[in-house]
Amino acid sequence: QQAGEQLLKTVLPRLRQHHLPASTADMAAAHLHAMALAQLRGHTLPLRTDWLDAIAGSLIKEALNAPLPWSYRGVIHPDTDPILLTLID
């Protein structure tokens, strides 16, 4: 859980540095989503994919033109959302 919370603390400034939408409320929502996803998926604590899915679900407000980068192997799709690119960079 500490790693996920650290991820939130590092992602927020990086998103703002790239002028991407990210508020403190979005990060609070991502934290709640990660906890809920972990419980739904039967995890004791949120795992990496729980955190990434929660952040994506909290920050991306429009339809995606490419799959989530952590859901497949290979080269990143050229239409990947900039928020997702910042997350995996």
PDB file of N, CA and C in Angstrom:
ATOM      1  N   GLN A   1       0.831  -1.188   0.000  1.00  0.00           N
ATOM      2  CA  GLN A   1       0.000   0.000   0.000  1.00  0.00           C
ATOM      3  C   GLN A   1       0.877   1.255   0.000  1.00  0.00           C
ATOM      4  N   GLN A   2       1.996   1.214   0.696  1.00  0.00           N
ATOM      5  CA  GLN A   2       2.873   2.383   0.737  1.00  0.00           C
ATOM      6  C   GLN A   2       3.424   2.708  -0.638  1.00  0.00           C
ATOM      7  N   ALA A   3       3.716   1.683  -1.431  1.00  0.00           N
ATOM      8  CA  ALA A   3       4.224   1.923  -2.786  1.00  0.00           C
ATOM      9  C   ALA A   3       3.169   2.627  -3.632  1.00  0.00           C
ATOM     10  N   GLY A   4       1.924   2.230  -3.481  1.00  0.00           N
ATOM     11  CA  GLY A   4       0.841   2.872  -4.226  1.00  0.00           C
ATOM     12  C   GLY A   4       0.642   4.314  -3.816  1.00  0.00           C
ATOM     13  N   GLU A   5       0.717   4.567  -2.533  1.00  0.00           N
ATOM     14  CA  GLU A   5       0.579   5.940  -2.056  1.00  0.00           C
ATOM     15  C   GLU A   5       1.752   6.792  -2.527  1.00  0.00           C
ATOM     16  N   GLN A   6       2.936   6.204  -2.581  1.00  0.00           N
ATOM     17  CA  GLN A   6       4.101   6.918  -3.111  1.00  0.00           C
ATOM     18  C   GLN A   6       3.910   7.208  -4.595  1.00  0.00           C
ATOM     19  N   LEU A   7       3.314   6.259  -5.312  1.00  0.00           N
ATOM     20  CA  LEU A   7       3.015   6.473  -6.729  1.00  0.00           C
ATOM     21  C   LEU A   7       2.113   7.694  -6.898  1.00  0.00           C
ATOM     22  N   LEU A   8       1.077   7.788  -6.086  1.00  0.00           N
ATOM     23  CA  LEU A   8       0.177   8.943  -6.167  1.00  0.00           C
ATOM     24  C   LEU A   8       0.930  10.245  -5.917  1.00  0.00           C
ATOM     25  N   LYS A   9       1.824  10.227  -4.941  1.00  0.00           N
ATOM     26  CA  LYS A   9       2.577  11.442  -4.604  1.00  0.00           C
ATOM     27  C   LYS A   9       3.529  11.855  -5.717  1.00  0.00           C
ATOM     28  N   THR A  10       4.056  10.902  -6.465  1.00  0.00           N
ATOM     29  CA  THR A  10       4.988  11.251  -7.545  1.00  0.00           C
ATOM     30  C   THR A  10       4.267  11.549  -8.851  1.00  0.00           C
ATOM     31  N   VAL A  11       3.126  10.906  -9.070  1.00  0.00           N
ATOM     32  CA  VAL A  11       2.396  11.096 -10.329  1.00  0.00           C
ATOM     33  C   VAL A  11       1.770  12.483 -10.406  1.00  0.00           C
ATOM     34  N   LEU A  12       1.203  12.962  -9.325  1.00  0.00           N
ATOM     35  CA  LEU A  12       0.505  14.254  -9.352  1.00  0.00           C
ATOM     36  C   LEU A  12       1.396  15.392  -9.844  1.00  0.00           C
ATOM     37  N   PRO A  13       2.586  15.591  -9.286  1.00  0.00           N
ATOM     38  CA  PRO A  13       3.437  16.672  -9.797  1.00  0.00           C
ATOM     39  C   PRO A  13       3.881  16.454 -11.245  1.00  0.00           C
ATOM     40  N   ARG A  14       4.119  15.202 -11.636  1.00  0.00           N
ATOM     41  CA  ARG A  14       4.531  14.929 -13.017  1.00  0.00           C
ATOM     42  C   ARG A  14       3.420  15.269 -13.998  1.00  0.00           C
ATOM     43  N   LEU A  15       2.196  14.944 -13.641  1.00  0.00           N
ATOM     44  CA  LEU A  15       1.071  15.282 -14.514  1.00  0.00           C
ATOM     45  C   LEU A  15       0.921  16.795 -14.636  1.00  0.00           C
ATOM     46  N   ARG A  16       1.042  17.474 -13.518  1.00  0.00           N
ATOM     47  CA  ARG A  16       0.933  18.938 -13.542  1.00  0.00           C
ATOM     48  C   ARG A  16       2.078  19.566 -14.330  1.00  0.00           C
ATOM     49  N   GLN A  17       3.264  18.996 -14.231  1.00  0.00           N
ATOM     50  CA  GLN A  17       4.420  19.495 -14.975  1.00  0.00           C
ATOM     51  C   GLN A  17       4.178  19.393 -16.482  1.00  0.00           C
ATOM     52  N   HIS A  18       3.460  18.352 -16.900  1.00  0.00           N
ATOM     53  CA  HIS A  18       3.139  18.166 -18.317  1.00  0.00           C
ATOM     54  C   HIS A  18       1.826  18.862 -18.703  1.00  0.00           C
ATOM     55  N   HIS A  19       1.287  19.664 -17.795  1.00  0.00           N
ATOM     56  CA  HIS A  19       0.043  20.410 -18.018  1.00  0.00           C
ATOM     57  C   HIS A  19      -1.133  19.484 -18.331  1.00  0.00           C
ATOM     58  N   LEU A  20      -1.169  18.356 -17.643  1.00  0.00           N
ATOM     59  CA  LEU A  20      -2.266  17.410 -17.785  1.00  0.00           C
ATOM     60  C   LEU A  20      -3.194  17.563 -16.583  1.00  0.00           C
ATOM     61  N   PRO A  21      -4.488  17.352 -16.776  1.00  0.00           N
ATOM     62  CA  PRO A  21      -5.442  17.564 -15.682  1.00  0.00           C
ATOM     63  C   PRO A  21      -5.255  16.559 -14.552  1.00  0.00           C
ATOM     64  N   ALA A  22      -5.028  17.074 -13.365  1.00  0.00           N
ATOM     65  CA  ALA A  22      -4.891  16.229 -12.176  1.00  0.00           C
ATOM     66  C   ALA A  22      -5.070  17.102 -10.945  1.00  0.00           C
ATOM     67  N   SER A  23      -6.072  16.783 -10.163  1.00  0.00           N
ATOM     68  CA  SER A  23      -6.322  17.556  -8.949  1.00  0.00           C
ATOM     69  C   SER A  23      -6.103  16.673  -7.724  1.00  0.00           C
ATOM     70  N   THR A  24      -6.058  17.305  -6.586  1.00  0.00           N
ATOM     71  CA  THR A  24      -5.939  16.563  -5.334  1.00  0.00           C
ATOM     72  C   THR A  24      -7.158  15.666  -5.150  1.00  0.00           C
ATOM     73  N   ALA A  25      -8.323  16.153  -5.555  1.00  0.00           N
ATOM     74  CA  ALA A  25      -9.545  15.347  -5.470  1.00  0.00           C
ATOM     75  C   ALA A  25      -9.452  14.107  -6.360  1.00  0.00           C
ATOM     76  N   ASP A  26      -8.847  14.251  -7.536  1.00  0.00           N
ATOM     77  CA  ASP A  26      -8.639  13.094  -8.419  1.00  0.00           C
ATOM     78  C   ASP A  26      -7.764  12.048  -7.740  1.00  0.00           C
ATOM     79  N   MET A  27      -6.733  12.501  -7.049  1.00  0.00           N
ATOM     80  CA  MET A  27      -5.832  11.571  -6.371  1.00  0.00           C
ATOM     81  C   MET A  27      -6.537  10.882  -5.200  1.00  0.00           C
ATOM     82  N   ALA A  28      -7.387  11.626  -4.495  1.00  0.00           N
ATOM     83  CA  ALA A  28      -8.160  11.017  -3.407  1.00  0.00           C
ATOM     84  C   ALA A  28      -9.116   9.968  -3.972  1.00  0.00           C
ATOM     85  N   ALA A  29      -9.734  10.282  -5.104  1.00  0.00           N
ATOM     86  CA  ALA A  29     -10.625   9.317  -5.759  1.00  0.00           C
ATOM     87  C   ALA A  29      -9.848   8.088  -6.215  1.00  0.00           C
ATOM     88  N   ALA A  30      -8.653   8.293  -6.741  1.00  0.00           N
ATOM     89  CA  ALA A  30      -7.822   7.169  -7.180  1.00  0.00           C
ATOM     90  C   ALA A  30      -7.482   6.258  -6.003  1.00  0.00           C
ATOM     91  N   HIS A  31      -7.200   6.855  -4.861  1.00  0.00           N
ATOM     92  CA  HIS A  31      -6.889   6.065  -3.666  1.00  0.00           C
ATOM     93  C   HIS A  31      -8.092   5.202  -3.281  1.00  0.00           C
ATOM     94  N   LEU A  32      -9.271   5.805  -3.257  1.00  0.00           N
ATOM     95  CA  LEU A  32     -10.481   5.048  -2.921  1.00  0.00           C
ATOM     96  C   LEU A  32     -10.751   3.960  -3.955  1.00  0.00           C
ATOM     97  N   HIS A  33     -10.561   4.283  -5.225  1.00  0.00           N
ATOM     98  CA  HIS A  33     -10.770   3.293  -6.288  1.00  0.00           C
ATOM     99  C   HIS A  33      -9.805   2.119  -6.147  1.00  0.00           C
ATOM    100  N   ALA A  34      -8.554   2.409  -5.816  1.00  0.00           N
ATOM    101  CA  ALA A  34      -7.567   1.335  -5.657  1.00  0.00           C
ATOM    102  C   ALA A  34      -7.969   0.391  -4.526  1.00  0.00           C
ATOM    103  N   MET A  35      -8.436   0.956  -3.426  1.00  0.00           N
ATOM    104  CA  MET A  35      -8.870   0.126  -2.301  1.00  0.00           C
ATOM    105  C   MET A  35     -10.069  -0.735  -2.701  1.00  0.00           C
ATOM    106  N   ALA A  36     -11.017  -0.123  -3.413  1.00  0.00           N
ATOM    107  CA  ALA A  36     -12.213  -0.854  -3.840  1.00  0.00           C
ATOM    108  C   ALA A  36     -11.864  -1.945  -4.855  1.00  0.00           C
ATOM    109  N   LEU A  37     -10.988  -1.633  -5.805  1.00  0.00           N
ATOM    110  CA  LEU A  37     -10.577  -2.635  -6.793  1.00  0.00           C
ATOM    111  C   LEU A  37      -9.869  -3.809  -6.124  1.00  0.00           C
ATOM    112  N   ALA A  38      -9.010  -3.518  -5.173  1.00  0.00           N
ATOM    113  CA  ALA A  38      -8.305  -4.585  -4.459  1.00  0.00           C
ATOM    114  C   ALA A  38      -9.300  -5.506  -3.759  1.00  0.00           C
ATOM    115  N   GLN A  39     -10.270  -4.916  -3.097  1.00  0.00           N
ATOM    116  CA  GLN A  39     -11.272  -5.714  -2.395  1.00  0.00           C
ATOM    117  C   GLN A  39     -12.097  -6.528  -3.390  1.00  0.00           C
ATOM    118  N   LEU A  40     -12.506  -5.896  -4.480  1.00  0.00           N
ATOM    119  CA  LEU A  40     -13.298  -6.571  -5.505  1.00  0.00           C
ATOM    120  C   LEU A  40     -12.534  -7.737  -6.127  1.00  0.00           C
ATOM    121  N   ARG A  41     -11.239  -7.555  -6.316  1.00  0.00           N
ATOM    122  CA  ARG A  41     -10.399  -8.581  -6.948  1.00  0.00           C
ATOM    123  C   ARG A  41      -9.846  -9.595  -5.947  1.00  0.00           C
ATOM    124  N   GLY A  42     -10.205  -9.433  -4.677  1.00  0.00           N
ATOM    125  CA  GLY A  42      -9.791 -10.392  -3.663  1.00  0.00           C
ATOM    126  C   GLY A  42      -8.362 -10.230  -3.178  1.00  0.00           C
ATOM    127  N   HIS A  43      -7.813  -9.032  -3.309  1.00  0.00           N
ATOM    128  CA  HIS A  43      -6.453  -8.767  -2.840  1.00  0.00           C
ATOM    129  C   HIS A  43      -6.505  -8.195  -1.425  1.00  0.00           C
ATOM    130  N   THR A  44      -5.569  -8.592  -0.608  1.00  0.00           N
ATOM    131  CA  THR A  44      -5.498  -8.061   0.753  1.00  0.00           C
ATOM    132  C   THR A  44      -5.183  -6.574   0.729  1.00  0.00           C
ATOM    133  N   LEU A  45      -4.221  -6.208  -0.094  1.00  0.00           N
ATOM    134  CA  LEU A  45      -3.836  -4.814  -0.311  1.00  0.00           C
ATOM    135  C   LEU A  45      -3.831  -4.557  -1.812  1.00  0.00           C
ATOM    136  N   PRO A  46      -3.958  -3.294  -2.233  1.00  0.00           N
ATOM    137  CA  PRO A  46      -3.934  -3.007  -3.666  1.00  0.00           C
ATOM    138  C   PRO A  46      -2.599  -3.405  -4.302  1.00  0.00           C
ATOM    139  N   LEU A  47      -2.693  -4.085  -5.424  1.00  0.00           N
ATOM    140  CA  LEU A  47      -1.515  -4.456  -6.195  1.00  0.00           C
ATOM    141  C   LEU A  47      -1.245  -3.386  -7.253  1.00  0.00           C
ATOM    142  N   ARG A  48      -0.156  -3.552  -7.974  1.00  0.00           N
ATOM    143  CA  ARG A  48       0.257  -2.564  -8.977  1.00  0.00           C
ATOM    144  C   ARG A  48      -0.872  -2.264  -9.967  1.00  0.00           C
ATOM    145  N   THR A  49      -1.496  -3.310 -10.499  1.00  0.00           N
ATOM    146  CA  THR A  49      -2.564  -3.078 -11.482  1.00  0.00           C
ATOM    147  C   THR A  49      -3.780  -2.410 -10.851  1.00  0.00           C
ATOM    148  N   ASP A  50      -4.033  -2.671  -9.582  1.00  0.00           N
ATOM    149  CA  ASP A  50      -5.131  -1.988  -8.896  1.00  0.00           C
ATOM    150  C   ASP A  50      -4.875  -0.481  -8.876  1.00  0.00           C
ATOM    151  N   TRP A  51      -3.634  -0.097  -8.542  1.00  0.00           N
ATOM    152  CA  TRP A  51      -3.287   1.322  -8.488  1.00  0.00           C
ATOM    153  C   TRP A  51      -3.351   1.958  -9.870  1.00  0.00           C
ATOM    154  N   LEU A  52      -2.767   1.283 -10.862  1.00  0.00           N
ATOM    155  CA  LEU A  52      -2.755   1.847 -12.214  1.00  0.00           C
ATOM    156  C   LEU A  52      -4.168   1.973 -12.777  1.00  0.00           C
ATOM    157  N   ASP A  53      -4.985   0.939 -12.606  1.00  0.00           N
ATOM    158  CA  ASP A  53      -6.368   0.997 -13.085  1.00  0.00           C
ATOM    159  C   ASP A  53      -7.151   2.095 -12.363  1.00  0.00           C
ATOM    160  N   ALA A  54      -6.904   2.239 -11.072  1.00  0.00           N
ATOM    161  CA  ALA A  54      -7.605   3.264 -10.295  1.00  0.00           C
ATOM    162  C   ALA A  54      -7.217   4.664 -10.742  1.00  0.00           C
ATOM    163  N   ILE A  55      -5.940   4.886 -10.972  1.00  0.00           N
ATOM    164  CA  ILE A  55      -5.493   6.208 -11.429  1.00  0.00           C
ATOM    165  C   ILE A  55      -6.062   6.504 -12.809  1.00  0.00           C
ATOM    166  N   ALA A  56      -6.005   5.525 -13.705  1.00  0.00           N
ATOM    167  CA  ALA A  56      -6.560   5.717 -15.047  1.00  0.00           C
ATOM    168  C   ALA A  56      -8.056   6.020 -14.969  1.00  0.00           C
ATOM    169  N   GLY A  57      -8.770   5.271 -14.154  1.00  0.00           N
ATOM    170  CA  GLY A  57     -10.208   5.477 -14.022  1.00  0.00           C
ATOM    171  C   GLY A  57     -10.579   6.805 -13.393  1.00  0.00           C
ATOM    172  N   SER A  58      -9.722   7.324 -12.556  1.00  0.00           N
ATOM    173  CA  SER A  58     -10.004   8.595 -11.883  1.00  0.00           C
ATOM    174  C   SER A  58      -9.619   9.806 -12.719  1.00  0.00           C
ATOM    175  N   LEU A  59      -8.606   9.672 -13.550  1.00  0.00           N
ATOM    176  CA  LEU A  59      -8.090  10.831 -14.283  1.00  0.00           C
ATOM    177  C   LEU A  59      -8.588  10.955 -15.717  1.00  0.00           C
ATOM    178  N   ILE A  60      -8.843   9.850 -16.364  1.00  0.00           N
ATOM    179  CA  ILE A  60      -9.230   9.901 -17.777  1.00  0.00           C
ATOM    180  C   ILE A  60     -10.744  10.018 -17.862  1.00  0.00           C
ATOM    181  N   LYS A  61     -11.190  11.115 -18.428  1.00  0.00           N
ATOM    182  CA  LYS A  61     -12.617  11.430 -18.453  1.00  0.00           C
ATOM    183  C   LYS A  61     -13.287  11.087 -19.783  1.00  0.00           C
ATOM    184  N   GLU A  62     -12.504  10.770 -20.801  1.00  0.00           N
ATOM    185  CA  GLU A  62     -13.070  10.484 -22.117  1.00  0.00           C
ATOM    186  C   GLU A  62     -12.723   9.061 -22.536  1.00  0.00           C
ATOM    187  N   ALA A  63     -13.344   8.618 -23.624  1.00  0.00           N
ATOM    188  CA  ALA A  63     -13.089   7.273 -24.136  1.00  0.00           C
ATOM    189  C   ALA A  63     -11.636   7.131 -24.573  1.00  0.00           C
ATOM    190  N   LEU A  64     -11.099   5.950 -24.382  1.00  0.00           N
ATOM    191  CA  LEU A  64      -9.722   5.671 -24.789  1.00  0.00           C
ATOM    192  C   LEU A  64      -9.691   5.188 -26.236  1.00  0.00           C
ATOM    193  N   ASN A  65      -8.674   5.613 -26.966  1.00  0.00           N
ATOM    194  CA  ASN A  65      -8.482   5.169 -28.344  1.00  0.00           C
ATOM    195  C   ASN A  65      -7.484   4.026 -28.436  1.00  0.00           C
ATOM    196  N   ALA A  66      -6.933   3.633 -27.310  1.00  0.00           N
ATOM    197  CA  ALA A  66      -5.955   2.546 -27.261  1.00  0.00           C
ATOM    198  C   ALA A  66      -6.124   1.823 -25.924  1.00  0.00           C
ATOM    199  N   PRO A  67      -5.756   0.559 -25.864  1.00  0.00           N
ATOM    200  CA  PRO A  67      -5.864  -0.168 -24.594  1.00  0.00           C
ATOM    201  C   PRO A  67      -4.888   0.373 -23.551  1.00  0.00           C
ATOM    202  N   LEU A  68      -5.172   0.065 -22.308  1.00  0.00           N
ATOM    203  CA  LEU A  68      -4.264   0.451 -21.233  1.00  0.00           C
ATOM    204  C   LEU A  68      -2.911  -0.212 -21.478  1.00  0.00           C
ATOM    205  N   PRO A  69      -1.820   0.540 -21.402  1.00  0.00           N
ATOM    206  CA  PRO A  69      -0.496   0.003 -21.755  1.00  0.00           C
ATOM    207  C   PRO A  69      -0.065  -1.212 -20.943  1.00  0.00           C
ATOM    208  N   TRP A  70      -0.548  -1.346 -19.737  1.00  0.00           N
ATOM    209  CA  TRP A  70      -0.139  -2.470 -18.896  1.00  0.00           C
ATOM    210  C   TRP A  70      -1.026  -3.697 -19.131  1.00  0.00           C
ATOM    211  N   SER A  71      -1.967  -3.603 -20.087  1.00  0.00           N
ATOM    212  CA  SER A  71      -2.853  -4.733 -20.363  1.00  0.00           C
ATOM    213  C   SER A  71      -2.380  -5.587 -21.543  1.00  0.00           C
ATOM    214  N   TYR A  72      -1.257  -5.215 -22.143  1.00  0.00           N
ATOM    215  CA  TYR A  72      -0.740  -5.981 -23.278  1.00  0.00           C
ATOM    216  C   TYR A  72       0.777  -5.874 -23.321  1.00  0.00           C
ATOM    217  N   ARG A  73       1.387  -6.726 -24.116  1.00  0.00           N
ATOM    218  CA  ARG A  73       2.841  -6.696 -24.313  1.00  0.00           C
ATOM    219  C   ARG A  73       3.133  -6.088 -25.669  1.00  0.00           C
ATOM    220  N   GLY A  74       4.302  -5.508 -25.782  1.00  0.00           N
ATOM    221  CA  GLY A  74       4.716  -4.985 -27.077  1.00  0.00           C
ATOM    222  C   GLY A  74       4.863  -3.481 -27.066  1.00  0.00           C
ATOM    223  N   VAL A  75       4.926  -2.933 -28.249  1.00  0.00           N
ATOM    224  CA  VAL A  75       5.132  -1.500 -28.442  1.00  0.00           C
ATOM    225  C   VAL A  75       3.887  -0.740 -27.997  1.00  0.00           C
ATOM    226  N   ILE A  76       4.112   0.403 -27.380  1.00  0.00           N
ATOM    227  CA  ILE A  76       2.993   1.231 -26.925  1.00  0.00           C
ATOM    228  C   ILE A  76       2.253   1.783 -28.134  1.00  0.00           C
ATOM    229  N   HIS A  77       0.942   1.679 -28.078  1.00  0.00           N
ATOM    230  CA  HIS A  77       0.077   2.144 -29.161  1.00  0.00           C
ATOM    231  C   HIS A  77       0.235   3.653 -29.334  1.00  0.00           C
ATOM    232  N   PRO A  78       0.302   4.144 -30.576  1.00  0.00           N
ATOM    233  CA  PRO A  78       0.511   5.580 -30.802  1.00  0.00           C
ATOM    234  C   PRO A  78      -0.624   6.469 -30.292  1.00  0.00           C
ATOM    235  N   ASP A  79      -1.824   5.912 -30.112  1.00  0.00           N
ATOM    236  CA  ASP A  79      -2.958   6.708 -29.631  1.00  0.00           C
ATOM    237  C   ASP A  79      -3.151   6.617 -28.121  1.00  0.00           C
ATOM    238  N   THR A  80      -2.149   6.140 -27.407  1.00  0.00           N
ATOM    239  CA  THR A  80      -2.246   6.027 -25.952  1.00  0.00           C
ATOM    240  C   THR A  80      -2.396   7.410 -25.330  1.00  0.00           C
ATOM    241  N   ASP A  81      -3.317   7.524 -24.394  1.00  0.00           N
ATOM    242  CA  ASP A  81      -3.599   8.793 -23.718  1.00  0.00           C
ATOM    243  C   ASP A  81      -2.330   9.326 -23.044  1.00  0.00           C
ATOM    244  N   PRO A  82      -2.079  10.645 -23.130  1.00  0.00           N
ATOM    245  CA  PRO A  82      -0.886  11.233 -22.505  1.00  0.00           C
ATOM    246  C   PRO A  82      -0.804  10.998 -20.993  1.00  0.00           C
ATOM    247  N   ILE A  83      -1.934  10.923 -20.337  1.00  0.00           N
ATOM    248  CA  ILE A  83      -1.928  10.646 -18.897  1.00  0.00           C
ATOM    249  C   ILE A  83      -1.339   9.260 -18.643  1.00  0.00           C
ATOM    250  N   LEU A  84      -1.726   8.299 -19.459  1.00  0.00           N
ATOM    251  CA  LEU A  84      -1.205   6.940 -19.304  1.00  0.00           C
ATOM    252  C   LEU A  84       0.279   6.875 -19.614  1.00  0.00           C
ATOM    253  N   LEU A  85       0.706   7.635 -20.604  1.00  0.00           N
ATOM    254  CA  LEU A  85       2.132   7.675 -20.924  1.00  0.00           C
ATOM    255  C   LEU A  85       2.936   8.230 -19.754  1.00  0.00           C
ATOM    256  N   THR A  86       2.388   9.225 -19.071  1.00  0.00           N
ATOM    257  CA  THR A  86       3.059   9.798 -17.906  1.00  0.00           C
ATOM    258  C   THR A  86       3.125   8.778 -16.770  1.00  0.00           C
ATOM    259  N   LEU A  87       2.074   7.986 -16.624  1.00  0.00           N
ATOM    260  CA  LEU A  87       2.050   6.975 -15.565  1.00  0.00           C
ATOM    261  C   LEU A  87       3.133   5.921 -15.744  1.00  0.00           C
ATOM    262  N   ILE A  88       3.369   5.508 -16.975  1.00  0.00           N
ATOM    263  CA  ILE A  88       4.307   4.408 -17.198  1.00  0.00           C
ATOM    264  C   ILE A  88       5.717   4.877 -17.506  1.00  0.00           C
ATOM    265  N   ASP A  89       5.908   6.175 -17.640  1.00  0.00           N
ATOM    266  CA  ASP A  89       7.228   6.716 -17.957  1.00  0.00           C
ATOM    267  C   ASP A  89       8.157   6.624 -16.765  1.00  0.00           C
TER     268      ASP A  89
END
